[in-house]
């Protein structure tokens, strides 16, 4: 499968040169379109060059879907606090088919196309914070289900299941991600670089639920130079997948991190197969002394594969992008 260091992925060949600019203005003064979905619909069915959609300031009340055939789309806001996309679906809500949407279908924006870039924009699911243990309240702000996506200076706002980092290699740079339970979850191979992760739970919450299911899968989440703040008692991760893999390096952790740090999803067998590590983290929640025995303080050698864009094969598809 291609020549990527990660054999499950094809070699990533990004397109940087812009062939078309589109503008969106909800006030209908300047833009080519007044909804973001209409702008996406205008992109050719099989798109082969970089299309940049500039979104003017405003609150865009839209549920957006980018289909698999429309690769190389960039969505650029006027600033994360100025350009906001929001919707409020939850997993239990009925969809057009007459069945519940499910977590997958609850997303405010669903990205199914490769080589997507978002910059300076907020993705929000406005569904209220559910009580602890409530069922069907998953409310995704953004779902990324495709390879080689980058998010720069974006905000992801929600409660339960905010960011569905579903499948593919993804890069999050200087983003703000807010939620309560499993607010970064999925089976992506993703690097979070310089991000602010903020919990809003009043009880127990969890920052990640990574779903790696076998040793053959090369997926996992790595957080470098991040900071974790908020309320409640927060696990760094829960073992959604049997081989769940998450690393935090050079990251500030506020006192909200529960001393144990990690949760086995109620399955003791997963303690033998997960890979949970910290490397040179700091702050009142970073103390490794009380952590579960099946997490580890990494050595420099163990941490090395996780702390550069090489973790996501980024030298192939990221390094020449102009952010």
Protein backbone atom coordinates (compact mmCIF):
# COMPACT_ATOMS: atom_id res chain seq x y z
CA UNK A 1 0.00 0.00 0.00
CA UNK A 2 2.14 2.91 -1.17
CA UNK A 3 5.44 3.83 0.45
CA UNK A 4 4.24 5.44 3.67
CA UNK A 5 6.17 4.46 6.82
CA UNK A 6 2.77 3.47 8.20
CA UNK A 7 1.90 0.55 5.95
CA UNK A 8 -1.87 0.87 6.42
CA UNK A 9 -1.83 4.28 4.69
CA UNK A 10 -1.12 5.27 1.09
CA UNK A 11 1.65 7.73 0.31
CA UNK A 12 0.15 11.16 0.90
CA UNK A 13 0.53 13.61 -1.99
CA UNK A 14 -0.92 16.95 -1.00
CA UNK A 15 -1.80 19.81 -3.37
CA UNK A 16 -0.74 23.22 -2.12
CA UNK A 17 -1.24 25.54 -5.10
CA UNK A 18 -4.70 27.09 -5.07
CA UNK A 19 -6.74 26.74 -8.27
CA UNK A 20 -9.94 28.39 -7.03
CA UNK A 21 -11.03 30.80 -4.27
CA UNK A 22 -14.63 30.91 -3.04
CA UNK A 23 -16.07 33.35 -0.51
CA UNK A 24 -18.98 32.83 1.87
CA UNK A 25 -20.80 35.71 3.57
CA UNK A 26 -23.98 35.01 5.51
CA UNK A 27 -24.90 38.71 5.27
CA UNK A 28 -24.98 38.32 1.47
CA UNK A 29 -22.90 41.45 0.92
CA UNK A 30 -19.59 40.14 -0.39
CA UNK A 31 -19.59 36.38 -0.80
CA UNK A 32 -20.08 34.07 -3.76
CA UNK A 33 -22.42 32.10 -1.45
CA UNK A 34 -24.20 32.79 1.82
CA UNK A 35 -23.97 29.25 3.24
CA UNK A 36 -20.87 27.10 3.62
CA UNK A 37 -22.64 23.98 2.35
CA UNK A 38 -23.58 25.77 -0.91
CA UNK A 39 -19.92 26.69 -1.39
CA UNK A 40 -18.90 23.03 -0.85
CA UNK A 41 -21.64 21.88 -3.24
CA UNK A 42 -20.11 24.10 -5.92
CA UNK A 43 -16.79 22.20 -5.84
CA UNK A 44 -16.57 19.67 -8.71
CA UNK A 45 -17.63 16.10 -7.91
CA UNK A 46 -14.10 14.76 -8.42
CA UNK A 47 -11.91 17.61 -7.25
CA UNK A 48 -8.20 17.43 -8.12
CA UNK A 49 -6.82 20.81 -7.01
CA UNK A 50 -6.77 22.98 -3.86
CA UNK A 51 -10.00 24.97 -3.43
CA UNK A 52 -9.95 27.61 -0.68
CA UNK A 53 -13.28 28.64 0.84
CA UNK A 54 -12.95 31.91 2.76
CA UNK A 55 -15.72 32.34 5.33
CA UNK A 56 -16.55 35.89 6.44
CA UNK A 57 -17.24 36.62 10.13
CA UNK A 58 -20.58 35.42 11.46
CA UNK A 59 -22.45 32.63 13.21
CA UNK A 60 -23.31 30.01 10.58
CA UNK A 61 -26.17 27.78 11.78
CA UNK A 62 -25.50 24.85 9.47
CA UNK A 63 -25.00 21.11 9.50
CA UNK A 64 -22.30 20.48 6.91
CA UNK A 65 -21.14 17.41 5.02
CA UNK A 66 -18.08 17.19 2.76
CA UNK A 67 -18.36 14.05 0.59
CA UNK A 68 -15.40 11.72 -0.15
CA UNK A 69 -14.98 12.88 -3.76
CA UNK A 70 -14.24 16.50 -2.83
CA UNK A 71 -10.60 16.36 -1.76
CA UNK A 72 -8.24 19.34 -1.31
CA UNK A 73 -10.74 21.73 0.31
CA UNK A 74 -9.49 24.45 2.67
CA UNK A 75 -11.98 26.20 4.96
CA UNK A 76 -10.56 29.48 6.24
CA UNK A 77 -12.34 31.66 8.79
CA UNK A 78 -11.72 35.26 9.81
CA UNK A 79 -10.59 34.09 13.28
CA UNK A 80 -11.89 31.33 15.54
CA UNK A 81 -13.87 33.85 17.61
CA UNK A 82 -15.32 35.53 14.53
CA UNK A 83 -16.30 32.65 12.22
CA UNK A 84 -18.41 30.04 14.02
CA UNK A 85 -20.28 27.03 12.62
CA UNK A 86 -22.82 25.52 15.00
CA UNK A 87 -25.58 22.93 15.17
CA UNK A 88 -27.08 20.96 18.07
CA UNK A 89 -27.78 17.34 17.07
CA UNK A 90 -27.31 14.48 19.55
CA UNK A 91 -26.95 10.73 18.99
CA UNK A 92 -30.50 10.00 20.17
CA UNK A 93 -32.17 12.45 17.77
CA UNK A 94 -34.08 11.01 14.84
CA UNK A 95 -32.44 11.39 11.46
CA UNK A 96 -34.07 11.64 8.00
CA UNK A 97 -34.19 7.81 7.85
CA UNK A 98 -36.46 7.65 10.90
CA UNK A 99 -33.67 6.07 12.97
CA UNK A 100 -31.52 7.80 15.61
CA UNK A 101 -28.57 9.71 14.14
CA UNK A 102 -26.07 7.92 16.40
CA UNK A 103 -22.78 9.48 17.43
CA UNK A 104 -21.45 9.29 13.84
CA UNK A 105 -24.42 11.25 12.44
CA UNK A 106 -24.58 13.87 15.20
CA UNK A 107 -21.64 15.91 13.88
CA UNK A 108 -22.10 19.61 13.11
CA UNK A 109 -19.55 19.17 10.31
CA UNK A 110 -18.59 15.81 8.82
CA UNK A 111 -15.44 15.67 6.69
CA UNK A 112 -15.17 12.56 4.50
CA UNK A 113 -12.64 13.85 1.96
CA UNK A 114 -8.84 13.65 1.96
CA UNK A 115 -6.41 16.56 2.34
CA UNK A 116 -8.86 18.84 4.15
CA UNK A 117 -7.49 21.97 5.87
CA UNK A 118 -9.34 24.22 8.33
CA UNK A 119 -7.91 27.42 9.70
CA UNK A 120 -9.12 30.07 12.18
CA UNK A 121 -12.67 28.77 12.56
CA UNK A 122 -14.89 27.38 15.36
CA UNK A 123 -16.85 24.13 15.08
CA UNK A 124 -19.53 23.89 17.74
CA UNK A 125 -22.20 21.47 18.88
CA UNK A 126 -24.60 23.47 21.02
CA UNK A 127 -26.31 20.48 22.70
CA UNK A 128 -26.30 21.08 26.48
CA UNK A 129 -23.90 19.31 28.84
CA UNK A 130 -25.62 16.01 29.75
CA UNK A 131 -25.80 14.62 33.30
CA UNK A 132 -23.15 12.02 34.09
CA UNK A 133 -23.99 8.59 32.64
CA UNK A 134 -26.86 9.82 30.46
CA UNK A 135 -27.39 7.74 27.30
CA UNK A 136 -27.74 9.02 23.75
CA UNK A 137 -26.32 12.46 24.55
CA UNK A 138 -23.18 12.21 22.40
CA UNK A 139 -22.97 15.45 20.43
CA UNK A 140 -20.10 15.73 17.96
CA UNK A 141 -18.86 19.16 16.85
CA UNK A 142 -16.59 17.79 14.09
CA UNK A 143 -16.02 14.34 12.61
CA UNK A 144 -12.96 13.76 10.45
CA UNK A 145 -13.21 10.44 8.58
CA UNK A 146 -10.47 10.86 5.98
CA UNK A 147 -6.69 10.95 5.64
CA UNK A 148 -4.21 13.83 5.72
CA UNK A 149 -6.24 16.61 7.39
CA UNK A 150 -4.83 19.68 9.16
CA UNK A 151 -6.55 22.04 11.60
CA UNK A 152 -4.76 25.27 12.48
CA UNK A 153 -5.96 27.78 15.10
CA UNK A 154 -9.42 26.21 15.27
CA UNK A 155 -11.83 25.72 18.17
CA UNK A 156 -13.93 22.63 18.80
CA UNK A 157 -16.70 23.26 21.33
CA UNK A 158 -19.01 20.63 22.75
CA UNK A 159 -19.65 18.40 25.77
CA UNK A 160 -19.77 14.61 25.32
CA UNK A 161 -17.78 13.40 22.28
CA UNK A 162 -16.78 16.83 20.93
CA UNK A 163 -14.14 15.81 18.38
CA UNK A 164 -14.55 12.53 16.51
CA UNK A 165 -11.00 11.83 15.34
CA UNK A 166 -12.36 8.89 13.40
CA UNK A 167 -9.88 7.55 10.81
CA UNK A 168 -6.81 8.86 8.98
CA UNK A 169 -3.70 10.91 9.78
CA UNK A 170 -4.49 14.30 11.28
CA UNK A 171 -2.62 17.35 12.57
CA UNK A 172 -4.05 19.83 15.08
CA UNK A 173 -1.93 22.94 15.63
CA UNK A 174 -2.71 25.55 18.30
CA UNK A 175 -6.35 24.48 18.57
CA UNK A 176 -8.75 24.76 21.52
CA UNK A 177 -10.82 21.66 22.30
CA UNK A 178 -13.55 21.72 24.95
CA UNK A 179 -15.74 18.92 26.28
CA UNK A 180 -16.69 16.62 29.14
CA UNK A 181 -16.49 12.87 28.43
CA UNK A 182 -14.32 11.29 25.70
CA UNK A 183 -14.09 14.69 24.05
CA UNK A 184 -11.33 13.54 21.69
CA UNK A 185 -12.17 10.03 20.48
CA UNK A 186 -11.80 7.68 17.52
CA UNK A 187 -9.15 5.61 15.76
CA UNK A 188 -7.14 8.36 14.09
CA UNK A 189 -3.36 8.61 13.89
CA UNK A 190 -3.11 12.17 15.13
CA UNK A 191 -0.71 14.77 16.48
CA UNK A 192 -2.01 17.56 18.71
CA UNK A 193 0.64 20.27 18.80
CA UNK A 194 0.36 23.25 21.16
CA UNK A 195 -3.36 22.70 21.80
CA UNK A 196 -5.47 23.80 24.79
CA UNK A 197 -7.70 20.98 26.09
CA UNK A 198 -10.43 22.20 28.45
CA UNK A 199 -12.81 20.03 30.51
CA UNK A 200 -16.28 21.28 31.49
CA UNK A 201 -17.56 18.37 33.58
CA UNK A 202 -18.65 18.65 37.21
CA UNK A 203 -18.10 14.93 37.85
CA UNK A 204 -15.77 12.40 36.21
CA UNK A 205 -14.74 13.09 32.64
CA UNK A 206 -12.24 11.73 30.15
CA UNK A 207 -10.07 13.61 27.71
CA UNK A 208 -9.50 10.80 25.20
CA UNK A 209 -11.04 7.52 24.09
CA UNK A 210 -8.69 6.10 21.48
CA UNK A 211 -9.99 3.03 19.61
CA UNK A 212 -6.96 1.14 18.31
CA UNK A 213 -8.14 -2.47 18.10
CA UNK A 214 -5.04 -4.53 17.22
CA UNK A 215 -1.26 -4.50 17.34
CA UNK A 216 -1.24 -4.30 13.54
CA UNK A 217 -2.97 -0.90 13.61
CA UNK A 218 -0.56 2.02 13.72
CA UNK A 219 -3.04 4.54 15.08
CA UNK A 220 -2.87 6.62 18.24
CA UNK A 221 -3.06 10.15 19.65
CA UNK A 222 0.01 12.15 20.62
CA UNK A 223 -0.19 15.46 22.48
CA UNK A 224 2.90 17.66 22.55
CA UNK A 225 3.36 21.10 24.14
CA UNK A 226 -0.32 21.17 25.11
CA UNK A 227 -2.13 22.35 28.25
CA UNK A 228 -5.03 20.67 30.07
CA UNK A 229 -7.35 22.82 32.21
CA UNK A 230 -10.97 22.88 33.40
CA UNK A 231 -13.28 21.42 36.03
CA UNK A 232 -14.23 18.03 37.44
CA UNK A 233 -11.99 14.97 37.78
CA UNK A 234 -10.49 14.07 34.44
CA UNK A 235 -8.94 10.87 33.15
CA UNK A 236 -6.29 11.43 30.48
CA UNK A 237 -7.84 8.54 28.59
CA UNK A 238 -10.21 5.59 28.60
CA UNK A 239 -9.38 2.39 26.75
CA UNK A 240 -12.14 2.37 24.12
CA UNK A 241 -10.03 0.08 21.96
CA UNK A 242 -8.25 -3.01 23.31
CA UNK A 243 -4.90 -1.61 22.07
CA UNK A 244 -5.73 2.07 22.77
CA UNK A 245 -2.61 4.25 22.37
CA UNK A 246 -2.16 7.79 23.76
CA UNK A 247 0.95 9.80 24.69
CA UNK A 248 1.31 13.19 26.37
CA UNK A 249 4.68 14.95 26.08
CA UNK A 250 5.86 18.38 27.34
CA UNK A 251 2.26 19.05 28.41
CA UNK A 252 0.99 21.16 31.34
CA UNK A 253 -1.67 19.36 33.40
CA UNK A 254 -3.86 21.24 35.85
CA UNK A 255 -4.90 19.65 39.16
CA UNK A 256 -8.12 18.26 37.59
CA UNK A 257 -6.27 15.15 36.32
CA UNK A 258 -7.23 12.20 38.52
CA UNK A 259 -4.07 10.67 40.13
CA UNK A 260 -4.71 7.27 38.48
CA UNK A 261 -4.67 9.06 35.12
CA UNK A 262 -6.21 6.30 32.99
CA UNK A 263 -9.25 4.01 32.98
CA UNK A 264 -9.46 0.47 31.54
CA UNK A 265 -13.09 0.81 30.29
CA UNK A 266 -14.11 -1.79 32.88
CA UNK A 267 -11.99 -4.49 31.23
CA UNK A 268 -8.87 -5.60 33.14
CA UNK A 269 -7.56 -7.44 30.06
CA UNK A 270 -6.97 -4.09 28.36
CA UNK A 271 -4.38 -3.22 30.99
CA UNK A 272 -2.08 -5.71 29.26
CA UNK A 273 -2.53 -4.31 25.74
CA UNK A 274 -2.94 -0.50 25.91
CA UNK A 275 -0.03 1.92 25.46
CA UNK A 276 -0.42 4.98 27.69
CA UNK A 277 2.58 7.21 28.30
CA UNK A 278 3.77 10.57 29.57
CA UNK A 279 7.06 12.29 28.81
CA UNK A 280 8.32 15.40 30.59
CA UNK A 281 4.86 16.70 31.48
CA UNK A 282 4.47 19.26 34.26
CA UNK A 283 1.93 21.00 36.49
CA UNK A 284 -0.08 19.79 39.51
CA UNK A 285 -1.88 17.06 37.54
CA UNK A 286 1.22 15.62 35.88
CA UNK A 287 2.70 13.69 38.82
CA UNK A 288 3.26 10.14 37.68
CA UNK A 289 3.46 8.77 41.26
CA UNK A 290 -0.21 7.80 41.61
CA UNK A 291 -0.75 6.56 38.06
CA UNK A 292 -2.10 3.10 37.23
CA UNK A 293 0.69 0.52 36.93
CA UNK A 294 -0.12 -0.09 33.27
CA UNK A 295 0.75 3.45 32.16
CA UNK A 296 4.35 4.55 31.90
CA UNK A 297 6.75 7.47 32.16
CA UNK A 298 8.52 7.20 28.82
CA UNK A 299 12.25 7.32 28.27
CA UNK A 300 13.64 9.68 25.63
CA UNK A 301 14.00 6.73 23.27
CA UNK A 302 10.39 5.57 23.81
CA UNK A 303 9.02 9.10 23.39
CA UNK A 304 10.97 9.88 20.22
CA UNK A 305 8.53 8.41 17.63
CA UNK A 306 5.62 10.38 19.11
CA UNK A 307 6.98 13.94 19.35
CA UNK A 308 7.50 15.11 15.76
CA UNK A 309 5.27 15.33 12.69
CA UNK A 310 6.98 12.11 11.62
CA UNK A 311 4.46 10.36 13.93
CA UNK A 312 1.79 11.12 11.30
CA UNK A 313 4.14 10.88 8.28
CA UNK A 314 3.90 14.67 8.23
CA UNK A 315 7.16 15.19 6.32
CA UNK A 316 5.28 13.63 3.39
CA UNK A 317 2.11 15.75 3.37
CA UNK A 318 2.41 18.57 5.92
CA UNK A 319 5.85 20.14 5.82
CA UNK A 320 5.32 22.15 2.62
CA UNK A 321 1.92 23.57 3.59
CA UNK A 322 1.89 27.28 4.30
CA UNK A 323 -0.01 27.89 7.53
